[in-house]
Amino acid sequence: MTDLVVRLVILAPRPESIRAMSSKQGYLYIMANRRSTLYAGVTSNLAGRVHQHKHNLAPASFTSRYQLHTLVYYETHDTIQQAIVREKQVKDMNRQDKLTMIRRANPTFRDLYEDIQG
């Protein structure tokens, strides 16, 4: 009988990778559909991520299942970590507070995707 040895190698990010990640700009965004289902997410590439949602490139995702194809709100943050903190705050908000926040910035729930394309 042969002994099987399994080695687990955990790769930690290099310090320069951590610095690059922490200096990367982040975005909190909210997608919606016609029935007012909302999804809050965070990304470092807003246009690319919204494109993925609009074209259902993650077929089993929440945004794909509920046809959340309209970018109705976004915020820009200096770092991805700040965007993640803000995402948690928004996800903890009740629905009415989220709708109020969106309406202040985008009263007609216009799709903001064209505004962010480069």
PDB file of N, CA and C in Angstrom:
ATOM      1  N   MET A   1       0.844  -1.180   0.000  1.00  0.00           N
ATOM      2  CA  MET A   1       0.000   0.000   0.000  1.00  0.00           C
ATOM      3  C   MET A   1       0.890   1.244   0.000  1.00  0.00           C
ATOM      4  N   THR A   2       0.522   2.209  -0.787  1.00  0.00           N
ATOM      5  CA  THR A   2       1.309   3.429  -0.904  1.00  0.00           C
ATOM      6  C   THR A   2       0.693   4.531  -0.062  1.00  0.00           C
ATOM      7  N   ASP A   3       1.554   5.257   0.603  1.00  0.00           N
ATOM      8  CA  ASP A   3       1.069   6.420   1.365  1.00  0.00           C
ATOM      9  C   ASP A   3       0.879   7.584   0.407  1.00  0.00           C
ATOM     10  N   LEU A   4      -0.245   8.197   0.531  1.00  0.00           N
ATOM     11  CA  LEU A   4      -0.554   9.348  -0.312  1.00  0.00           C
ATOM     12  C   LEU A   4      -0.303  10.610   0.502  1.00  0.00           C
ATOM     13  N   VAL A   5       0.527  11.453  -0.016  1.00  0.00           N
ATOM     14  CA  VAL A   5       0.839  12.703   0.666  1.00  0.00           C
ATOM     15  C   VAL A   5       0.215  13.830  -0.134  1.00  0.00           C
ATOM     16  N   VAL A   6      -0.583  14.610   0.535  1.00  0.00           N
ATOM     17  CA  VAL A   6      -1.221  15.756  -0.105  1.00  0.00           C
ATOM     18  C   VAL A   6      -0.631  17.016   0.502  1.00  0.00           C
ATOM     19  N   ARG A   7      -0.179  17.882  -0.340  1.00  0.00           N
ATOM     20  CA  ARG A   7       0.378  19.145   0.137  1.00  0.00           C
ATOM     21  C   ARG A   7      -0.570  20.267  -0.250  1.00  0.00           C
ATOM     22  N   LEU A   8      -0.856  21.062   0.722  1.00  0.00           N
ATOM     23  CA  LEU A   8      -1.712  22.216   0.495  1.00  0.00           C
ATOM     24  C   LEU A   8      -0.824  23.445   0.491  1.00  0.00           C
ATOM     25  N   VAL A   9      -0.842  24.131  -0.598  1.00  0.00           N
ATOM     26  CA  VAL A   9      -0.039  25.337  -0.722  1.00  0.00           C
ATOM     27  C   VAL A   9      -0.988  26.518  -0.757  1.00  0.00           C
ATOM     28  N   ILE A  10      -0.806  27.392   0.179  1.00  0.00           N
ATOM     29  CA  ILE A  10      -1.637  28.595   0.226  1.00  0.00           C
ATOM     30  C   ILE A  10      -0.788  29.751  -0.268  1.00  0.00           C
ATOM     31  N   LEU A  11      -1.268  30.352  -1.313  1.00  0.00           N
ATOM     32  CA  LEU A  11      -0.545  31.469  -1.892  1.00  0.00           C
ATOM     33  C   LEU A  11      -1.096  32.773  -1.340  1.00  0.00           C
ATOM     34  N   ALA A  12      -0.267  33.458  -0.633  1.00  0.00           N
ATOM     35  CA  ALA A  12      -0.664  34.767  -0.109  1.00  0.00           C
ATOM     36  C   ALA A  12      -0.345  35.813  -1.161  1.00  0.00           C
ATOM     37  N   PRO A  13      -1.193  36.836  -1.250  1.00  0.00           N
ATOM     38  CA  PRO A  13      -0.886  37.883  -2.221  1.00  0.00           C
ATOM     39  C   PRO A  13       0.419  38.582  -1.870  1.00  0.00           C
ATOM     40  N   ARG A  14       1.139  38.954  -2.881  1.00  0.00           N
ATOM     41  CA  ARG A  14       2.375  39.704  -2.662  1.00  0.00           C
ATOM     42  C   ARG A  14       2.033  41.082  -2.136  1.00  0.00           C
ATOM     43  N   PRO A  15       2.916  41.672  -1.344  1.00  0.00           N
ATOM     44  CA  PRO A  15       2.644  43.012  -0.801  1.00  0.00           C
ATOM     45  C   PRO A  15       2.293  44.033  -1.876  1.00  0.00           C
ATOM     46  N   GLU A  16       2.950  43.953  -3.043  1.00  0.00           N
ATOM     47  CA  GLU A  16       2.629  44.919  -4.102  1.00  0.00           C
ATOM     48  C   GLU A  16       1.224  44.687  -4.648  1.00  0.00           C
ATOM     49  N   SER A  17       0.738  43.431  -4.636  1.00  0.00           N
ATOM     50  CA  SER A  17      -0.627  43.144  -5.068  1.00  0.00           C
ATOM     51  C   SER A  17      -1.635  43.743  -4.104  1.00  0.00           C
ATOM     52  N   ILE A  18      -1.334  43.649  -2.824  1.00  0.00           N
ATOM     53  CA  ILE A  18      -2.225  44.223  -1.817  1.00  0.00           C
ATOM     54  C   ILE A  18      -2.284  45.729  -1.978  1.00  0.00           C
ATOM     55  N   ARG A  19      -1.132  46.351  -2.207  1.00  0.00           N
ATOM     56  CA  ARG A  19      -1.117  47.801  -2.410  1.00  0.00           C
ATOM     57  C   ARG A  19      -1.911  48.179  -3.655  1.00  0.00           C
ATOM     58  N   ALA A  20      -1.744  47.429  -4.727  1.00  0.00           N
ATOM     59  CA  ALA A  20      -2.466  47.725  -5.965  1.00  0.00           C
ATOM     60  C   ALA A  20      -3.962  47.566  -5.758  1.00  0.00           C
ATOM     61  N   MET A  21      -4.355  46.505  -5.030  1.00  0.00           N
ATOM     62  CA  MET A  21      -5.768  46.271  -4.784  1.00  0.00           C
ATOM     63  C   MET A  21      -6.348  47.384  -3.917  1.00  0.00           C
ATOM     64  N   SER A  22      -5.606  47.825  -2.905  1.00  0.00           N
ATOM     65  CA  SER A  22      -6.142  48.838  -2.013  1.00  0.00           C
ATOM     66  C   SER A  22      -6.178  50.210  -2.671  1.00  0.00           C
ATOM     67  N   SER A  23      -5.380  50.406  -3.729  1.00  0.00           N
ATOM     68  CA  SER A  23      -5.407  51.695  -4.402  1.00  0.00           C
ATOM     69  C   SER A  23      -6.382  51.703  -5.578  1.00  0.00           C
ATOM     70  N   LYS A  24      -6.984  50.561  -5.865  1.00  0.00           N
ATOM     71  CA  LYS A  24      -7.916  50.454  -6.974  1.00  0.00           C
ATOM     72  C   LYS A  24      -9.247  51.107  -6.600  1.00  0.00           C
ATOM     73  N   GLN A  25      -9.760  51.908  -7.499  1.00  0.00           N
ATOM     74  CA  GLN A  25     -11.047  52.572  -7.277  1.00  0.00           C
ATOM     75  C   GLN A  25     -12.162  51.538  -7.226  1.00  0.00           C
ATOM     76  N   GLY A  26     -13.175  51.806  -6.413  1.00  0.00           N
ATOM     77  CA  GLY A  26     -14.292  50.882  -6.296  1.00  0.00           C
ATOM     78  C   GLY A  26     -15.617  51.575  -6.538  1.00  0.00           C
ATOM     79  N   TYR A  27     -16.612  50.789  -6.882  1.00  0.00           N
ATOM     80  CA  TYR A  27     -17.944  51.303  -7.161  1.00  0.00           C
ATOM     81  C   TYR A  27     -18.985  50.466  -6.428  1.00  0.00           C
ATOM     82  N   LEU A  28     -19.916  51.145  -5.810  1.00  0.00           N
ATOM     83  CA  LEU A  28     -21.140  50.521  -5.320  1.00  0.00           C
ATOM     84  C   LEU A  28     -22.157  50.788  -6.423  1.00  0.00           C
ATOM     85  N   TYR A  29     -22.946  49.792  -6.784  1.00  0.00           N
ATOM     86  CA  TYR A  29     -23.947  50.015  -7.822  1.00  0.00           C
ATOM     87  C   TYR A  29     -25.228  49.286  -7.468  1.00  0.00           C
ATOM     88  N   ILE A  30     -26.327  49.766  -8.039  1.00  0.00           N
ATOM     89  CA  ILE A  30     -27.621  49.118  -7.844  1.00  0.00           C
ATOM     90  C   ILE A  30     -28.256  48.892  -9.212  1.00  0.00           C
ATOM     91  N   MET A  31     -28.640  47.629  -9.435  1.00  0.00           N
ATOM     92  CA  MET A  31     -29.351  47.243 -10.651  1.00  0.00           C
ATOM     93  C   MET A  31     -30.815  47.043 -10.289  1.00  0.00           C
ATOM     94  N   ALA A  32     -31.709  47.281 -11.263  1.00  0.00           N
ATOM     95  CA  ALA A  32     -33.150  47.117 -11.028  1.00  0.00           C
ATOM     96  C   ALA A  32     -33.794  46.519 -12.271  1.00  0.00           C
ATOM     97  N   ASN A  33     -35.036  46.059 -12.084  1.00  0.00           N
ATOM     98  CA  ASN A  33     -35.840  45.606 -13.221  1.00  0.00           C
ATOM     99  C   ASN A  33     -37.147  46.398 -13.227  1.00  0.00           C
ATOM    100  N   ARG A  34     -38.033  46.078 -14.101  1.00  0.00           N
ATOM    101  CA  ARG A  34     -39.298  46.826 -14.216  1.00  0.00           C
ATOM    102  C   ARG A  34     -40.196  46.644 -13.008  1.00  0.00           C
ATOM    103  N   ARG A  35     -40.036  45.550 -12.285  1.00  0.00           N
ATOM    104  CA  ARG A  35     -40.869  45.299 -11.105  1.00  0.00           C
ATOM    105  C   ARG A  35     -40.229  45.848  -9.831  1.00  0.00           C
ATOM    106  N   SER A  36     -39.177  46.608  -9.964  1.00  0.00           N
ATOM    107  CA  SER A  36     -38.483  47.234  -8.846  1.00  0.00           C
ATOM    108  C   SER A  36     -37.732  46.275  -7.938  1.00  0.00           C
ATOM    109  N   THR A  37     -37.352  45.116  -8.443  1.00  0.00           N
ATOM    110  CA  THR A  37     -36.427  44.282  -7.690  1.00  0.00           C
ATOM    111  C   THR A  37     -35.079  44.972  -7.758  1.00  0.00           C
ATOM    112  N   LEU A  38     -34.368  45.009  -6.635  1.00  0.00           N
ATOM    113  CA  LEU A  38     -33.090  45.707  -6.558  1.00  0.00           C
ATOM    114  C   LEU A  38     -31.962  44.745  -6.218  1.00  0.00           C
ATOM    115  N   TYR A  39     -30.785  45.053  -6.736  1.00  0.00           N
ATOM    116  CA  TYR A  39     -29.578  44.304  -6.402  1.00  0.00           C
ATOM    117  C   TYR A  39     -28.447  45.295  -6.205  1.00  0.00           C
ATOM    118  N   ALA A  40     -27.795  45.260  -5.051  1.00  0.00           N
ATOM    119  CA  ALA A  40     -26.630  46.109  -4.780  1.00  0.00           C
ATOM    120  C   ALA A  40     -25.375  45.264  -4.900  1.00  0.00           C
ATOM    121  N   GLY A  41     -24.387  45.795  -5.594  1.00  0.00           N
ATOM    122  CA  GLY A  41     -23.129  45.088  -5.769  1.00  0.00           C
ATOM    123  C   GLY A  41     -21.955  46.039  -5.701  1.00  0.00           C
ATOM    124  N   VAL A  42     -20.769  45.482  -5.753  1.00  0.00           N
ATOM    125  CA  VAL A  42     -19.546  46.275  -5.719  1.00  0.00           C
ATOM    126  C   VAL A  42     -18.585  45.725  -6.768  1.00  0.00           C
ATOM    127  N   THR A  43     -17.828  46.604  -7.382  1.00  0.00           N
ATOM    128  CA  THR A  43     -16.890  46.199  -8.424  1.00  0.00           C
ATOM    129  C   THR A  43     -15.794  47.247  -8.567  1.00  0.00           C
ATOM    130  N   SER A  44     -14.723  46.862  -9.226  1.00  0.00           N
ATOM    131  CA  SER A  44     -13.675  47.826  -9.573  1.00  0.00           C
ATOM    132  C   SER A  44     -13.774  48.215 -11.045  1.00  0.00           C
ATOM    133  N   ASN A  45     -14.667  47.565 -11.780  1.00  0.00           N
ATOM    134  CA  ASN A  45     -14.862  47.858 -13.209  1.00  0.00           C
ATOM    135  C   ASN A  45     -16.369  47.979 -13.461  1.00  0.00           C
ATOM    136  N   LEU A  46     -16.908  49.155 -13.269  1.00  0.00           N
ATOM    137  CA  LEU A  46     -18.352  49.345 -13.322  1.00  0.00           C
ATOM    138  C   LEU A  46     -18.934  49.040 -14.694  1.00  0.00           C
ATOM    139  N   ALA A  47     -18.362  49.590 -15.738  1.00  0.00           N
ATOM    140  CA  ALA A  47     -18.914  49.367 -17.080  1.00  0.00           C
ATOM    141  C   ALA A  47     -18.881  47.882 -17.444  1.00  0.00           C
ATOM    142  N   GLY A  48     -17.784  47.212 -17.140  1.00  0.00           N
ATOM    143  CA  GLY A  48     -17.669  45.794 -17.448  1.00  0.00           C
ATOM    144  C   GLY A  48     -18.654  44.945 -16.654  1.00  0.00           C
ATOM    145  N   ARG A  49     -18.816  45.261 -15.389  1.00  0.00           N
ATOM    146  CA  ARG A  49     -19.725  44.474 -14.547  1.00  0.00           C
ATOM    147  C   ARG A  49     -21.176  44.672 -14.978  1.00  0.00           C
ATOM    148  N   VAL A  50     -21.563  45.904 -15.266  1.00  0.00           N
ATOM    149  CA  VAL A  50     -22.935  46.163 -15.714  1.00  0.00           C
ATOM    150  C   VAL A  50     -23.181  45.462 -17.050  1.00  0.00           C
ATOM    151  N   HIS A  51     -22.196  45.475 -17.925  1.00  0.00           N
ATOM    152  CA  HIS A  51     -22.315  44.748 -19.200  1.00  0.00           C
ATOM    153  C   HIS A  51     -22.616  43.264 -18.946  1.00  0.00           C
ATOM    154  N   GLN A  52     -21.916  42.673 -17.974  1.00  0.00           N
ATOM    155  CA  GLN A  52     -22.161  41.272 -17.629  1.00  0.00           C
ATOM    156  C   GLN A  52     -23.602  41.063 -17.170  1.00  0.00           C
ATOM    157  N   HIS A  53     -24.107  41.966 -16.331  1.00  0.00           N
ATOM    158  CA  HIS A  53     -25.488  41.851 -15.856  1.00  0.00           C
ATOM    159  C   HIS A  53     -26.477  41.996 -17.018  1.00  0.00           C
ATOM    160  N   LYS A  54     -26.255  42.986 -17.867  1.00  0.00           N
ATOM    161  CA  LYS A  54     -27.182  43.257 -18.962  1.00  0.00           C
ATOM    162  C   LYS A  54     -27.281  42.097 -19.955  1.00  0.00           C
ATOM    163  N   HIS A  55     -26.206  41.363 -20.111  1.00  0.00           N
ATOM    164  CA  HIS A  55     -26.170  40.285 -21.103  1.00  0.00           C
ATOM    165  C   HIS A  55     -26.226  38.895 -20.458  1.00  0.00           C
ATOM    166  N   ASN A  56     -26.627  38.844 -19.190  1.00  0.00           N
ATOM    167  CA  ASN A  56     -26.792  37.562 -18.477  1.00  0.00           C
ATOM    168  C   ASN A  56     -25.587  36.642 -18.643  1.00  0.00           C
ATOM    169  N   LEU A  57     -24.388  37.201 -18.478  1.00  0.00           N
ATOM    170  CA  LEU A  57     -23.175  36.407 -18.663  1.00  0.00           C
ATOM    171  C   LEU A  57     -22.893  35.485 -17.477  1.00  0.00           C
ATOM    172  N   ALA A  58     -23.642  35.630 -16.405  1.00  0.00           N
ATOM    173  CA  ALA A  58     -23.600  34.685 -15.287  1.00  0.00           C
ATOM    174  C   ALA A  58     -25.016  34.133 -15.162  1.00  0.00           C
ATOM    175  N   PRO A  59     -25.359  33.112 -15.956  1.00  0.00           N
ATOM    176  CA  PRO A  59     -26.744  32.664 -16.111  1.00  0.00           C
ATOM    177  C   PRO A  59     -27.452  32.252 -14.822  1.00  0.00           C
ATOM    178  N   ALA A  60     -26.737  31.768 -13.825  1.00  0.00           N
ATOM    179  CA  ALA A  60     -27.396  31.314 -12.594  1.00  0.00           C
ATOM    180  C   ALA A  60     -27.442  32.417 -11.531  1.00  0.00           C
ATOM    181  N   SER A  61     -27.078  33.633 -11.893  1.00  0.00           N
ATOM    182  CA  SER A  61     -26.995  34.706 -10.908  1.00  0.00           C
ATOM    183  C   SER A  61     -28.373  35.311 -10.603  1.00  0.00           C
ATOM    184  N   PHE A  62     -28.442  35.999  -9.486  1.00  0.00           N
ATOM    185  CA  PHE A  62     -29.661  36.680  -9.060  1.00  0.00           C
ATOM    186  C   PHE A  62     -30.093  37.697 -10.117  1.00  0.00           C
ATOM    187  N   THR A  63     -29.136  38.475 -10.632  1.00  0.00           N
ATOM    188  CA  THR A  63     -29.487  39.506 -11.614  1.00  0.00           C
ATOM    189  C   THR A  63     -29.997  38.900 -12.912  1.00  0.00           C
ATOM    190  N   SER A  64     -29.484  37.765 -13.276  1.00  0.00           N
ATOM    191  CA  SER A  64     -29.959  37.079 -14.474  1.00  0.00           C
ATOM    192  C   SER A  64     -31.357  36.502 -14.254  1.00  0.00           C
ATOM    193  N   ARG A  65     -31.544  35.851 -13.119  1.00  0.00           N
ATOM    194  CA  ARG A  65     -32.833  35.216 -12.808  1.00  0.00           C
ATOM    195  C   ARG A  65     -33.965  36.235 -12.776  1.00  0.00           C
ATOM    196  N   TYR A  66     -33.713  37.432 -12.219  1.00  0.00           N
ATOM    197  CA  TYR A  66     -34.757  38.444 -12.082  1.00  0.00           C
ATOM    198  C   TYR A  66     -34.670  39.552 -13.131  1.00  0.00           C
ATOM    199  N   GLN A  67     -33.851  39.333 -14.159  1.00  0.00           N
ATOM    200  CA  GLN A  67     -33.732  40.276 -15.280  1.00  0.00           C
ATOM    201  C   GLN A  67     -33.405  41.703 -14.809  1.00  0.00           C
ATOM    202  N   LEU A  68     -32.407  41.813 -13.956  1.00  0.00           N
ATOM    203  CA  LEU A  68     -31.978  43.117 -13.441  1.00  0.00           C
ATOM    204  C   LEU A  68     -30.955  43.696 -14.411  1.00  0.00           C
ATOM    205  N   HIS A  69     -31.443  44.456 -15.368  1.00  0.00           N
ATOM    206  CA  HIS A  69     -30.604  44.949 -16.452  1.00  0.00           C
ATOM    207  C   HIS A  69     -30.462  46.470 -16.462  1.00  0.00           C
ATOM    208  N   THR A  70     -31.037  47.159 -15.503  1.00  0.00           N
ATOM    209  CA  THR A  70     -31.010  48.621 -15.500  1.00  0.00           C
ATOM    210  C   THR A  70     -30.142  49.128 -14.357  1.00  0.00           C
ATOM    211  N   LEU A  71     -29.074  49.833 -14.702  1.00  0.00           N
ATOM    212  CA  LEU A  71     -28.225  50.471 -13.700  1.00  0.00           C
ATOM    213  C   LEU A  71     -28.924  51.751 -13.254  1.00  0.00           C
ATOM    214  N   VAL A  72     -29.428  51.769 -12.027  1.00  0.00           N
ATOM    215  CA  VAL A  72     -30.200  52.925 -11.567  1.00  0.00           C
ATOM    216  C   VAL A  72     -29.431  53.809 -10.589  1.00  0.00           C
ATOM    217  N   TYR A  73     -28.309  53.305 -10.074  1.00  0.00           N
ATOM    218  CA  TYR A  73     -27.568  54.076  -9.071  1.00  0.00           C
ATOM    219  C   TYR A  73     -26.139  53.561  -8.999  1.00  0.00           C
ATOM    220  N   TYR A  74     -25.199  54.481  -8.772  1.00  0.00           N
ATOM    221  CA  TYR A  74     -23.835  54.063  -8.461  1.00  0.00           C
ATOM    222  C   TYR A  74     -23.122  55.158  -7.697  1.00  0.00           C
ATOM    223  N   GLU A  75     -22.120  54.751  -6.956  1.00  0.00           N
ATOM    224  CA  GLU A  75     -21.244  55.649  -6.214  1.00  0.00           C
ATOM    225  C   GLU A  75     -19.812  55.251  -6.528  1.00  0.00           C
ATOM    226  N   THR A  76     -18.938  56.245  -6.610  1.00  0.00           N
ATOM    227  CA  THR A  76     -17.518  56.004  -6.825  1.00  0.00           C
ATOM    228  C   THR A  76     -16.788  56.186  -5.499  1.00  0.00           C
ATOM    229  N   HIS A  77     -15.889  55.256  -5.185  1.00  0.00           N
ATOM    230  CA  HIS A  77     -15.111  55.315  -3.953  1.00  0.00           C
ATOM    231  C   HIS A  77     -13.631  55.231  -4.288  1.00  0.00           C
ATOM    232  N   ASP A  78     -12.807  55.831  -3.442  1.00  0.00           N
ATOM    233  CA  ASP A  78     -11.365  55.867  -3.693  1.00  0.00           C
ATOM    234  C   ASP A  78     -10.734  54.481  -3.724  1.00  0.00           C
ATOM    235  N   THR A  79     -11.254  53.557  -2.907  1.00  0.00           N
ATOM    236  CA  THR A  79     -10.707  52.205  -2.874  1.00  0.00           C
ATOM    237  C   THR A  79     -11.845  51.195  -2.922  1.00  0.00           C
ATOM    238  N   ILE A  80     -11.501  49.981  -3.313  1.00  0.00           N
ATOM    239  CA  ILE A  80     -12.492  48.912  -3.355  1.00  0.00           C
ATOM    240  C   ILE A  80     -12.974  48.594  -1.941  1.00  0.00           C
ATOM    241  N   GLN A  81     -12.086  48.719  -0.952  1.00  0.00           N
ATOM    242  CA  GLN A  81     -12.477  48.443   0.426  1.00  0.00           C
ATOM    243  C   GLN A  81     -13.554  49.413   0.899  1.00  0.00           C
ATOM    244  N   GLN A  82     -13.434  50.682   0.530  1.00  0.00           N
ATOM    245  CA  GLN A  82     -14.458  51.671   0.895  1.00  0.00           C
ATOM    246  C   GLN A  82     -15.785  51.326   0.224  1.00  0.00           C
ATOM    247  N   ALA A  83     -15.733  50.876  -0.999  1.00  0.00           N
ATOM    248  CA  ALA A  83     -16.956  50.490  -1.715  1.00  0.00           C
ATOM    249  C   ALA A  83     -17.612  49.288  -1.045  1.00  0.00           C
ATOM    250  N   ILE A  84     -16.818  48.349  -0.557  1.00  0.00           N
ATOM    251  CA  ILE A  84     -17.359  47.172   0.123  1.00  0.00           C
ATOM    252  C   ILE A  84     -18.047  47.572   1.427  1.00  0.00           C
ATOM    253  N   VAL A  85     -17.435  48.479   2.165  1.00  0.00           N
ATOM    254  CA  VAL A  85     -18.052  48.968   3.411  1.00  0.00           C
ATOM    255  C   VAL A  85     -19.388  49.632   3.091  1.00  0.00           C
ATOM    256  N   ARG A  86     -19.412  50.439   2.052  1.00  0.00           N
ATOM    257  CA  ARG A  86     -20.648  51.122   1.666  1.00  0.00           C
ATOM    258  C   ARG A  86     -21.702  50.122   1.190  1.00  0.00           C
ATOM    259  N   GLU A  87     -21.289  49.102   0.460  1.00  0.00           N
ATOM    260  CA  GLU A  87     -22.224  48.073  -0.002  1.00  0.00           C
ATOM    261  C   GLU A  87     -22.920  47.416   1.194  1.00  0.00           C
ATOM    262  N   LYS A  88     -22.167  47.120   2.220  1.00  0.00           N
ATOM    263  CA  LYS A  88     -22.750  46.498   3.417  1.00  0.00           C
ATOM    264  C   LYS A  88     -23.766  47.432   4.070  1.00  0.00           C
ATOM    265  N   GLN A  89     -23.454  48.725   4.093  1.00  0.00           N
ATOM    266  CA  GLN A  89     -24.405  49.701   4.650  1.00  0.00           C
ATOM    267  C   GLN A  89     -25.684  49.722   3.836  1.00  0.00           C
ATOM    268  N   VAL A  90     -25.559  49.734   2.521  1.00  0.00           N
ATOM    269  CA  VAL A  90     -26.733  49.785   1.643  1.00  0.00           C
ATOM    270  C   VAL A  90     -27.549  48.497   1.763  1.00  0.00           C
ATOM    271  N   LYS A  91     -26.882  47.366   1.819  1.00  0.00           N
ATOM    272  CA  LYS A  91     -27.606  46.098   1.947  1.00  0.00           C
ATOM    273  C   LYS A  91     -28.343  46.001   3.279  1.00  0.00           C
ATOM    274  N   ASP A  92     -27.869  46.715   4.289  1.00  0.00           N
ATOM    275  CA  ASP A  92     -28.554  46.733   5.584  1.00  0.00           C
ATOM    276  C   ASP A  92     -29.738  47.705   5.611  1.00  0.00           C
ATOM    277  N   MET A  93     -29.840  48.574   4.608  1.00  0.00           N
ATOM    278  CA  MET A  93     -30.943  49.540   4.551  1.00  0.00           C
ATOM    279  C   MET A  93     -32.245  48.821   4.205  1.00  0.00           C
ATOM    280  N   ASN A  94     -33.340  49.387   4.662  1.00  0.00           N
ATOM    281  CA  ASN A  94     -34.619  48.808   4.239  1.00  0.00           C
ATOM    282  C   ASN A  94     -34.914  49.257   2.803  1.00  0.00           C
ATOM    283  N   ARG A  95     -35.849  48.594   2.184  1.00  0.00           N
ATOM    284  CA  ARG A  95     -36.177  48.836   0.778  1.00  0.00           C
ATOM    285  C   ARG A  95     -36.561  50.285   0.502  1.00  0.00           C
ATOM    286  N   GLN A  96     -37.392  50.858   1.368  1.00  0.00           N
ATOM    287  CA  GLN A  96     -37.844  52.230   1.154  1.00  0.00           C
ATOM    288  C   GLN A  96     -36.682  53.221   1.178  1.00  0.00           C
ATOM    289  N   ASP A  97     -35.736  53.019   2.097  1.00  0.00           N
ATOM    290  CA  ASP A  97     -34.569  53.900   2.156  1.00  0.00           C
ATOM    291  C   ASP A  97     -33.707  53.771   0.903  1.00  0.00           C
ATOM    292  N   LYS A  98     -33.592  52.563   0.372  1.00  0.00           N
ATOM    293  CA  LYS A  98     -32.846  52.372  -0.883  1.00  0.00           C
ATOM    294  C   LYS A  98     -33.542  53.106  -2.030  1.00  0.00           C
ATOM    295  N   LEU A  99     -34.863  52.966  -2.101  1.00  0.00           N
ATOM    296  CA  LEU A  99     -35.610  53.647  -3.169  1.00  0.00           C
ATOM    297  C   LEU A  99     -35.492  55.155  -3.046  1.00  0.00           C
ATOM    298  N   THR A 100     -35.541  55.674  -1.838  1.00  0.00           N
ATOM    299  CA  THR A 100     -35.386  57.119  -1.613  1.00  0.00           C
ATOM    300  C   THR A 100     -34.002  57.576  -2.069  1.00  0.00           C
ATOM    301  N   MET A 101     -32.968  56.814  -1.725  1.00  0.00           N
ATOM    302  CA  MET A 101     -31.601  57.148  -2.129  1.00  0.00           C
ATOM    303  C   MET A 101     -31.488  57.169  -3.656  1.00  0.00           C
ATOM    304  N   ILE A 102     -32.069  56.182  -4.318  1.00  0.00           N
ATOM    305  CA  ILE A 102     -32.020  56.112  -5.782  1.00  0.00           C
ATOM    306  C   ILE A 102     -32.775  57.294  -6.388  1.00  0.00           C
ATOM    307  N   ARG A 103     -33.974  57.570  -5.879  1.00  0.00           N
ATOM    308  CA  ARG A 103     -34.798  58.660  -6.446  1.00  0.00           C
ATOM    309  C   ARG A 103     -34.147  60.026  -6.294  1.00  0.00           C
ATOM    310  N   ARG A 104     -33.387  60.232  -5.238  1.00  0.00           N
ATOM    311  CA  ARG A 104     -32.683  61.520  -5.063  1.00  0.00           C
ATOM    312  C   ARG A 104     -31.667  61.736  -6.186  1.00  0.00           C
ATOM    313  N   ALA A 105     -30.979  60.665  -6.572  1.00  0.00           N
ATOM    314  CA  ALA A 105     -29.948  60.778  -7.598  1.00  0.00           C
ATOM    315  C   ALA A 105     -30.488  60.557  -9.014  1.00  0.00           C
ATOM    316  N   ASN A 106     -31.558  59.769  -9.116  1.00  0.00           N
ATOM    317  CA  ASN A 106     -32.064  59.352 -10.420  1.00  0.00           C
ATOM    318  C   ASN A 106     -33.593  59.226 -10.338  1.00  0.00           C
ATOM    319  N   PRO A 107     -34.313  60.366 -10.320  1.00  0.00           N
ATOM    320  CA  PRO A 107     -35.760  60.355 -10.069  1.00  0.00           C
ATOM    321  C   PRO A 107     -36.587  59.501 -11.027  1.00  0.00           C
ATOM    322  N   THR A 108     -36.138  59.341 -12.255  1.00  0.00           N
ATOM    323  CA  THR A 108     -36.920  58.591 -13.238  1.00  0.00           C
ATOM    324  C   THR A 108     -36.432  57.146 -13.408  1.00  0.00           C
ATOM    325  N   PHE A 109     -35.467  56.741 -12.594  1.00  0.00           N
ATOM    326  CA  PHE A 109     -34.880  55.401 -12.699  1.00  0.00           C
ATOM    327  C   PHE A 109     -34.332  55.151 -14.104  1.00  0.00           C
ATOM    328  N   ARG A 110     -33.783  56.200 -14.700  1.00  0.00           N
ATOM    329  CA  ARG A 110     -33.167  56.108 -16.024  1.00  0.00           C
ATOM    330  C   ARG A 110     -31.981  55.155 -15.969  1.00  0.00           C
ATOM    331  N   ASP A 111     -31.739  54.401 -17.025  1.00  0.00           N
ATOM    332  CA  ASP A 111     -30.593  53.503 -17.094  1.00  0.00           C
ATOM    333  C   ASP A 111     -29.333  54.359 -17.249  1.00  0.00           C
ATOM    334  N   LEU A 112     -28.414  54.263 -16.302  1.00  0.00           N
ATOM    335  CA  LEU A 112     -27.205  55.086 -16.287  1.00  0.00           C
ATOM    336  C   LEU A 112     -26.050  54.439 -17.044  1.00  0.00           C
ATOM    337  N   TYR A 113     -26.297  53.314 -17.651  1.00  0.00           N
ATOM    338  CA  TYR A 113     -25.212  52.577 -18.336  1.00  0.00           C
ATOM    339  C   TYR A 113     -24.544  53.406 -19.414  1.00  0.00           C
ATOM    340  N   GLU A 114     -25.314  54.122 -20.210  1.00  0.00           N
ATOM    341  CA  GLU A 114     -24.716  54.937 -21.269  1.00  0.00           C
ATOM    342  C   GLU A 114     -23.814  56.021 -20.690  1.00  0.00           C
ATOM    343  N   ASP A 115     -24.144  56.513 -19.499  1.00  0.00           N
ATOM    344  CA  ASP A 115     -23.326  57.564 -18.875  1.00  0.00           C
ATOM    345  C   ASP A 115     -21.937  57.077 -18.487  1.00  0.00           C
ATOM    346  N   ILE A 116     -21.806  55.785 -18.195  1.00  0.00           N
ATOM    347  CA  ILE A 116     -20.526  55.279 -17.689  1.00  0.00           C
ATOM    348  C   ILE A 116     -19.663  54.623 -18.768  1.00  0.00           C
ATOM    349  N   GLN A 117     -20.202  54.422 -19.949  1.00  0.00           N
ATOM    350  CA  GLN A 117     -19.413  53.806 -21.014  1.00  0.00           C
ATOM    351  C   GLN A 117     -18.349  54.785 -21.487  1.00  0.00           C
ATOM    352  N   GLY A 118     -17.155  54.262 -21.708  1.00  0.00           N
ATOM    353  CA  GLY A 118     -16.024  55.110 -22.069  1.00  0.00           C
ATOM    354  C   GLY A 118     -15.866  55.375 -23.500  1.00  0.00           C
TER     355      GLY A 118
END
